[in-house]
Amino acid sequence: MAKAVKKQALGRGLSALLNNPNDDIRSVKDHNADRLVGTIVEIALANIEVNPFQPRTYFSEDGLNELAGSIQELGVIQPITVRKLEGNKFQLVSGERRFRASAIAGLSTIPAYIRLANDQEMLEMALVENIQRKDLDPIEVALSYQRLIEEIKLTQEELSKRVGKNRSTVTNFLRLLKLDPIIQTGIRDGFVSMGHGKALISIENPIEQLDIYEKIIRQKLSVRQTEELVKKTKHPNKSAKTTKELPEFAVEGAAVIADKINRKVQVQVANNSKGKITIPFGTEEEFNAIIKFFE
């Protein structure tokens, strides 16, 4: 009895919202759209197709079975989101795990939140939802960012607003895709961290990149040790005189600046305490972002 009450509270049938359940509503301008869009209704699983834009391709069988068991006991607690297609057909926007688990649990219908979206909006919603997952590895995030930029035609600035991340964070993820595919796989599999990857990006020679990558794994190097190794690789003949330790005021000041503008800075100090501060940038967009900080 409790389950029946819970099911009724979660959503109403389409016939309760439309005089004709076969009305072709696919735009907010269509007749009766205001009665359908934004509501939670019970939709037959047979009338729902999976999202062809879904970036996630692997679903743990054990995880689905566990969720199916929970659904059998408690029902679907959080509705899925679908978009309206022709007639009484719908397409998943989010909630494919719940959709699959409900089928395993033997349900014939599922509560769903209905919205309207074109193909481009579908891809964008699927990618952004995928990015928000907690179990994503850095390369998966970077690939999702890249698809949003290339397929949705977003700038990095627009992308950062869509996903709620700092622009520099988005840039750091995208730069990981410049790494050798073997290193990218190493990051995905957890052999090295994103920090290791960021340190390796400055090595342009792929052979040297892989050589350092192998040393990281073999010697179990930390990110800081990797950064030092990268410096030595890039400047093998640097004399002890030019690599002398920076005075404390320069180290602390550089840290403050780096924290404020959210990027690395380079500081050089001569014996008379005179020196210079260098802020590297890789693109015109990065340069403009630095200027904005000072404005």
Protein backbone atom coordinates (compact mmCIF):
# COMPACT_ATOMS: atom_id res chain seq x y z
CA MET A 1 0.00 0.00 0.00
CA ALA A 2 2.84 2.36 0.90
CA LYS A 3 4.50 1.73 -2.46
CA ALA A 4 1.30 2.55 -4.36
CA VAL A 5 0.93 5.86 -2.53
CA LYS A 6 4.57 6.73 -3.20
CA LYS A 7 4.19 5.95 -6.91
CA GLN A 8 1.11 8.15 -7.19
CA ALA A 9 2.92 11.03 -5.50
CA LEU A 10 5.87 10.83 -7.86
CA GLY A 11 4.00 11.39 -11.10
CA ARG A 12 0.76 11.44 -13.03
CA GLY A 13 -0.02 9.66 -16.27
CA LEU A 14 0.13 11.50 -19.59
CA SER A 15 -3.64 11.18 -20.00
CA ALA A 16 -4.10 13.27 -16.84
CA LEU A 17 -2.25 16.13 -18.53
CA LEU A 18 -3.41 15.96 -22.13
CA ASN A 19 -6.86 15.56 -23.63
CA ASN A 20 -5.21 13.62 -26.43
CA PRO A 21 -2.12 11.67 -25.27
CA ASN A 22 -0.96 11.42 -28.88
CA ASP A 23 -0.59 15.20 -29.26
CA ASP A 24 2.73 15.92 -30.98
CA ILE A 25 4.34 18.34 -28.51
CA ARG A 26 7.99 18.96 -29.19
CA SER A 27 8.25 22.74 -28.85
CA VAL A 28 7.30 25.19 -26.12
CA LYS A 29 5.12 26.90 -28.76
CA ASP A 30 3.02 23.77 -29.37
CA HIS A 31 -0.55 23.45 -28.09
CA ASN A 32 -0.71 22.04 -24.54
CA ALA A 33 3.09 22.36 -24.09
CA ASP A 34 2.55 24.40 -20.93
CA ARG A 35 0.57 21.52 -19.41
CA LEU A 36 3.24 18.93 -20.16
CA VAL A 37 6.70 20.48 -19.92
CA GLY A 38 8.14 20.76 -16.42
CA THR A 39 5.80 18.14 -14.96
CA ILE A 40 6.66 14.73 -13.53
CA VAL A 41 4.65 11.94 -15.13
CA GLU A 42 4.67 8.14 -15.24
CA ILE A 43 5.97 7.04 -18.65
CA ALA A 44 6.08 3.49 -20.02
CA LEU A 45 9.66 2.22 -20.27
CA ALA A 46 8.80 0.90 -23.75
CA ASN A 47 8.15 4.49 -24.90
CA ILE A 48 11.60 5.74 -23.86
CA GLU A 49 14.75 5.44 -25.95
CA VAL A 50 18.28 5.95 -24.67
CA ASN A 51 20.22 9.14 -25.34
CA PRO A 52 22.40 8.75 -28.48
CA PHE A 53 24.54 11.66 -27.22
CA GLN A 54 25.32 9.94 -23.90
CA PRO A 55 29.12 10.23 -23.35
CA ARG A 56 29.05 7.48 -20.75
CA THR A 57 29.28 4.04 -22.36
CA TYR A 58 30.01 1.71 -19.42
CA PHE A 59 27.52 0.78 -16.71
CA SER A 60 28.60 -1.67 -14.00
CA GLU A 61 26.38 -4.77 -14.04
CA ASP A 62 26.78 -5.24 -10.29
CA GLY A 63 25.90 -1.58 -9.70
CA LEU A 64 22.78 -1.86 -11.87
CA ASN A 65 21.64 -4.99 -10.04
CA GLU A 66 22.13 -3.30 -6.66
CA LEU A 67 20.12 -0.29 -7.82
CA ALA A 68 17.42 -2.60 -9.21
CA GLY A 69 17.12 -4.24 -5.79
CA SER A 70 16.71 -0.84 -4.16
CA ILE A 71 14.07 0.16 -6.71
CA GLN A 72 12.12 -3.03 -6.01
CA GLU A 73 12.05 -2.10 -2.32
CA LEU A 74 11.60 1.68 -2.41
CA GLY A 75 10.63 2.56 -5.96
CA VAL A 76 12.37 5.20 -8.13
CA ILE A 77 13.12 7.99 -5.68
CA GLN A 78 14.54 10.50 -8.18
CA PRO A 79 12.73 10.87 -11.53
CA ILE A 80 14.65 10.60 -14.77
CA THR A 81 14.67 13.49 -17.27
CA VAL A 82 13.40 12.99 -20.83
CA ARG A 83 12.68 15.09 -23.87
CA LYS A 84 9.50 14.78 -25.92
CA LEU A 85 9.72 13.15 -29.34
CA GLU A 86 6.94 12.44 -31.82
CA GLY A 87 3.66 11.13 -30.40
CA ASN A 88 4.10 9.36 -27.07
CA LYS A 89 7.80 8.68 -27.62
CA PHE A 90 10.50 10.12 -25.37
CA GLN A 91 14.30 10.21 -25.21
CA LEU A 92 16.47 10.12 -22.12
CA VAL A 93 18.28 13.29 -21.13
CA SER A 94 19.62 11.98 -17.83
CA GLY A 95 19.08 9.01 -15.54
CA GLU A 96 20.11 6.10 -17.76
CA ARG A 97 21.24 4.04 -14.73
CA ARG A 98 17.79 4.43 -13.13
CA PHE A 99 16.15 3.62 -16.48
CA ARG A 100 18.20 0.43 -16.96
CA ALA A 101 17.82 -0.65 -13.32
CA SER A 102 14.03 -0.11 -13.46
CA ALA A 103 13.84 -2.48 -16.43
CA ILE A 104 15.87 -5.07 -14.49
CA ALA A 105 13.54 -4.58 -11.51
CA GLY A 106 10.58 -5.42 -13.71
CA LEU A 107 8.91 -2.00 -13.72
CA SER A 108 6.69 -1.12 -16.67
CA THR A 109 6.67 2.65 -16.04
CA ILE A 110 9.03 5.18 -14.51
CA PRO A 111 8.53 8.73 -13.15
CA ALA A 112 10.04 11.27 -15.54
CA TYR A 113 10.52 15.02 -15.70
CA ILE A 114 9.71 16.25 -19.21
CA ARG A 115 11.51 19.03 -21.01
CA LEU A 116 11.96 20.22 -24.59
CA ALA A 117 15.38 20.25 -26.25
CA ASN A 118 16.88 20.11 -29.72
CA ASP A 119 19.79 17.81 -30.63
CA GLN A 120 22.44 20.40 -29.78
CA GLU A 121 20.89 21.09 -26.38
CA MET A 122 20.65 17.33 -25.77
CA LEU A 123 24.36 16.88 -26.43
CA GLU A 124 25.24 19.83 -24.21
CA MET A 125 23.05 18.60 -21.33
CA ALA A 126 24.46 15.08 -21.59
CA LEU A 127 28.05 16.33 -21.59
CA VAL A 128 27.55 18.79 -18.73
CA GLU A 129 25.78 16.16 -16.63
CA ASN A 130 28.63 13.76 -17.34
CA ILE A 131 31.18 16.34 -16.20
CA GLN A 132 29.39 16.74 -12.85
CA ARG A 133 29.87 13.07 -11.98
CA LYS A 134 32.22 12.48 -9.05
CA ASP A 135 33.93 9.39 -10.49
CA LEU A 136 35.18 10.95 -13.71
CA ASP A 137 38.92 10.81 -14.39
CA PRO A 138 40.67 13.99 -15.64
CA ILE A 139 40.94 12.76 -19.23
CA GLU A 140 37.19 12.04 -19.40
CA VAL A 141 36.55 15.57 -18.15
CA ALA A 142 38.97 17.01 -20.71
CA LEU A 143 37.35 15.07 -23.57
CA SER A 144 33.89 16.30 -22.51
CA TYR A 145 35.19 19.88 -22.41
CA GLN A 146 36.68 19.44 -25.88
CA ARG A 147 33.40 18.11 -27.31
CA LEU A 148 31.49 21.06 -25.85
CA ILE A 149 33.94 23.48 -27.48
CA GLU A 150 34.03 21.74 -30.85
CA GLU A 151 30.44 20.51 -31.24
CA ILE A 152 28.52 23.20 -29.34
CA LYS A 153 30.89 25.94 -30.57
CA LEU A 154 31.60 27.37 -27.13
CA THR A 155 34.60 29.50 -26.21
CA GLN A 156 36.58 28.53 -23.12
CA GLU A 157 35.06 31.51 -21.32
CA GLU A 158 31.51 30.39 -22.19
CA LEU A 159 32.35 26.80 -21.27
CA SER A 160 33.66 27.78 -17.84
CA LYS A 161 30.34 29.49 -17.09
CA ARG A 162 28.28 26.51 -18.30
CA VAL A 163 30.12 23.99 -16.12
CA GLY A 164 30.67 26.32 -13.14
CA LYS A 165 34.48 26.12 -13.21
CA ASN A 166 37.21 28.76 -13.36
CA ARG A 167 38.46 29.35 -16.87
CA SER A 168 42.00 28.42 -15.81
CA THR A 169 40.66 25.08 -14.52
CA VAL A 170 39.05 24.37 -17.89
CA THR A 171 42.32 25.29 -19.64
CA ASN A 172 44.35 22.97 -17.40
CA PHE A 173 42.08 20.04 -18.21
CA LEU A 174 42.17 20.72 -21.96
CA ARG A 175 45.96 20.90 -21.95
CA LEU A 176 46.07 17.27 -20.77
CA LEU A 177 44.93 16.23 -24.25
CA LYS A 178 48.30 17.40 -25.60
CA LEU A 179 49.98 14.54 -23.73
CA ASP A 180 51.03 11.33 -25.45
CA PRO A 181 48.08 8.87 -25.57
CA ILE A 182 50.04 6.42 -23.40
CA ILE A 183 50.32 9.04 -20.66
CA GLN A 184 46.65 9.93 -21.03
CA THR A 185 45.83 6.26 -20.49
CA GLY A 186 48.09 6.27 -17.43
CA ILE A 187 46.10 9.16 -15.95
CA ARG A 188 42.79 7.41 -16.70
CA ASP A 189 44.03 4.21 -15.05
CA GLY A 190 45.39 6.05 -12.01
CA PHE A 191 49.08 5.27 -12.55
CA VAL A 192 49.85 9.01 -12.46
CA SER A 193 47.85 12.04 -11.33
CA MET A 194 46.64 15.11 -13.15
CA GLY A 195 49.47 17.00 -11.40
CA HIS A 196 52.03 14.70 -13.00
CA GLY A 197 50.35 15.26 -16.36
CA LYS A 198 50.43 19.06 -15.99
CA ALA A 199 54.16 18.88 -15.27
CA LEU A 200 54.78 16.74 -18.36
CA ILE A 201 52.91 19.04 -20.75
CA SER A 202 55.84 21.45 -20.99
CA ILE A 203 57.99 18.66 -22.48
CA GLU A 204 57.27 18.93 -26.21
CA ASN A 205 59.37 15.95 -27.31
CA PRO A 206 57.09 12.88 -27.03
CA ILE A 207 60.04 10.54 -26.51
CA GLU A 208 61.28 12.61 -23.56
CA GLN A 209 57.70 12.80 -22.26
CA LEU A 210 57.40 9.01 -22.22
CA ASP A 211 60.88 8.64 -20.72
CA ILE A 212 59.93 10.84 -17.75
CA TYR A 213 56.54 9.10 -17.48
CA GLU A 214 58.29 5.74 -17.12
CA LYS A 215 60.61 7.19 -14.45
CA ILE A 216 57.60 8.52 -12.52
CA ILE A 217 56.09 5.05 -12.37
CA ARG A 218 59.34 3.18 -11.82
CA GLN A 219 60.66 5.52 -9.10
CA LYS A 220 57.22 6.46 -7.71
CA LEU A 221 58.00 10.17 -8.09
CA SER A 222 55.79 12.80 -6.48
CA VAL A 223 54.42 15.72 -8.48
CA ARG A 224 57.09 18.01 -7.00
CA GLN A 225 59.86 15.56 -7.91
CA THR A 226 58.41 15.30 -11.40
CA GLU A 227 58.45 19.08 -11.78
CA GLU A 228 62.13 19.15 -10.78
CA LEU A 229 62.92 16.36 -13.23
CA VAL A 230 61.14 18.25 -16.00
CA LYS A 231 63.18 21.39 -15.23
CA LYS A 232 66.44 19.43 -15.41
CA THR A 233 65.35 17.86 -18.70
CA LYS A 234 64.53 21.24 -20.23
CA HIS A 235 67.66 22.97 -18.89
CA PRO A 236 70.35 20.28 -18.60
CA ASN A 237 73.28 22.75 -18.71
CA LYS A 238 71.95 25.27 -16.24
CA SER A 239 74.78 26.28 -13.90
CA ALA A 240 74.60 26.24 -10.15
CA LYS A 241 74.91 30.02 -10.17
CA THR A 242 71.73 30.53 -12.17
CA THR A 243 69.80 27.96 -10.14
CA LYS A 244 70.55 29.50 -6.76
CA GLU A 245 67.68 29.60 -4.30
CA LEU A 246 65.40 32.62 -4.43
CA PRO A 247 65.31 34.89 -1.37
CA GLU A 248 62.35 34.38 0.95
CA PHE A 249 60.59 37.63 -0.05
CA ALA A 250 60.62 36.55 -3.73
CA VAL A 251 59.29 33.06 -2.98
CA GLU A 252 56.47 34.42 -0.83
CA GLY A 253 55.63 37.21 -3.28
CA ALA A 254 55.54 34.84 -6.23
CA ALA A 255 53.18 32.56 -4.30
CA VAL A 256 50.83 35.47 -3.59
CA ILE A 257 50.74 36.53 -7.24
CA ALA A 258 50.27 32.96 -8.46
CA ASP A 259 47.38 32.50 -6.03
CA LYS A 260 45.71 35.74 -7.12
CA ILE A 261 45.84 35.09 -10.86
CA ASN A 262 45.52 31.30 -10.56
CA ARG A 263 48.55 30.45 -12.69
CA LYS A 264 52.30 29.92 -12.27
CA VAL A 265 54.69 32.88 -12.28
CA GLN A 266 58.46 32.94 -12.72
CA VAL A 267 60.66 35.16 -10.55
CA GLN A 268 64.34 35.96 -11.07
CA VAL A 269 66.42 37.89 -8.52
CA ALA A 270 70.00 39.12 -8.94
CA ASN A 271 72.57 39.58 -6.15
CA ASN A 272 71.55 43.23 -5.69
CA SER A 273 67.92 42.08 -5.04
CA LYS A 274 66.76 43.45 -8.36
CA GLY A 275 64.86 41.11 -10.59
CA LYS A 276 61.84 40.48 -12.75
CA ILE A 277 58.52 38.66 -12.66
CA THR A 278 57.41 36.66 -15.71
CA ILE A 279 53.84 35.45 -16.27
CA PRO A 280 53.77 32.85 -19.08
CA PHE A 281 50.72 32.40 -21.33
CA GLY A 282 49.96 29.91 -24.07
CA THR A 283 47.19 31.55 -26.09
CA GLU A 284 45.65 34.94 -26.75
CA GLU A 285 42.70 33.92 -24.54
CA GLU A 286 45.07 33.14 -21.64
CA PHE A 287 46.78 36.51 -22.16
CA ASN A 288 43.44 38.35 -22.08
CA ALA A 289 42.47 36.46 -18.92
CA ILE A 290 45.68 37.67 -17.22
CA ILE A 291 44.94 41.26 -18.25
CA LYS A 292 41.46 41.00 -16.70
CA PHE A 293 42.98 40.16 -13.33
CA PHE A 294 44.95 43.38 -13.31
CA GLU A 295 42.03 45.45 -14.58
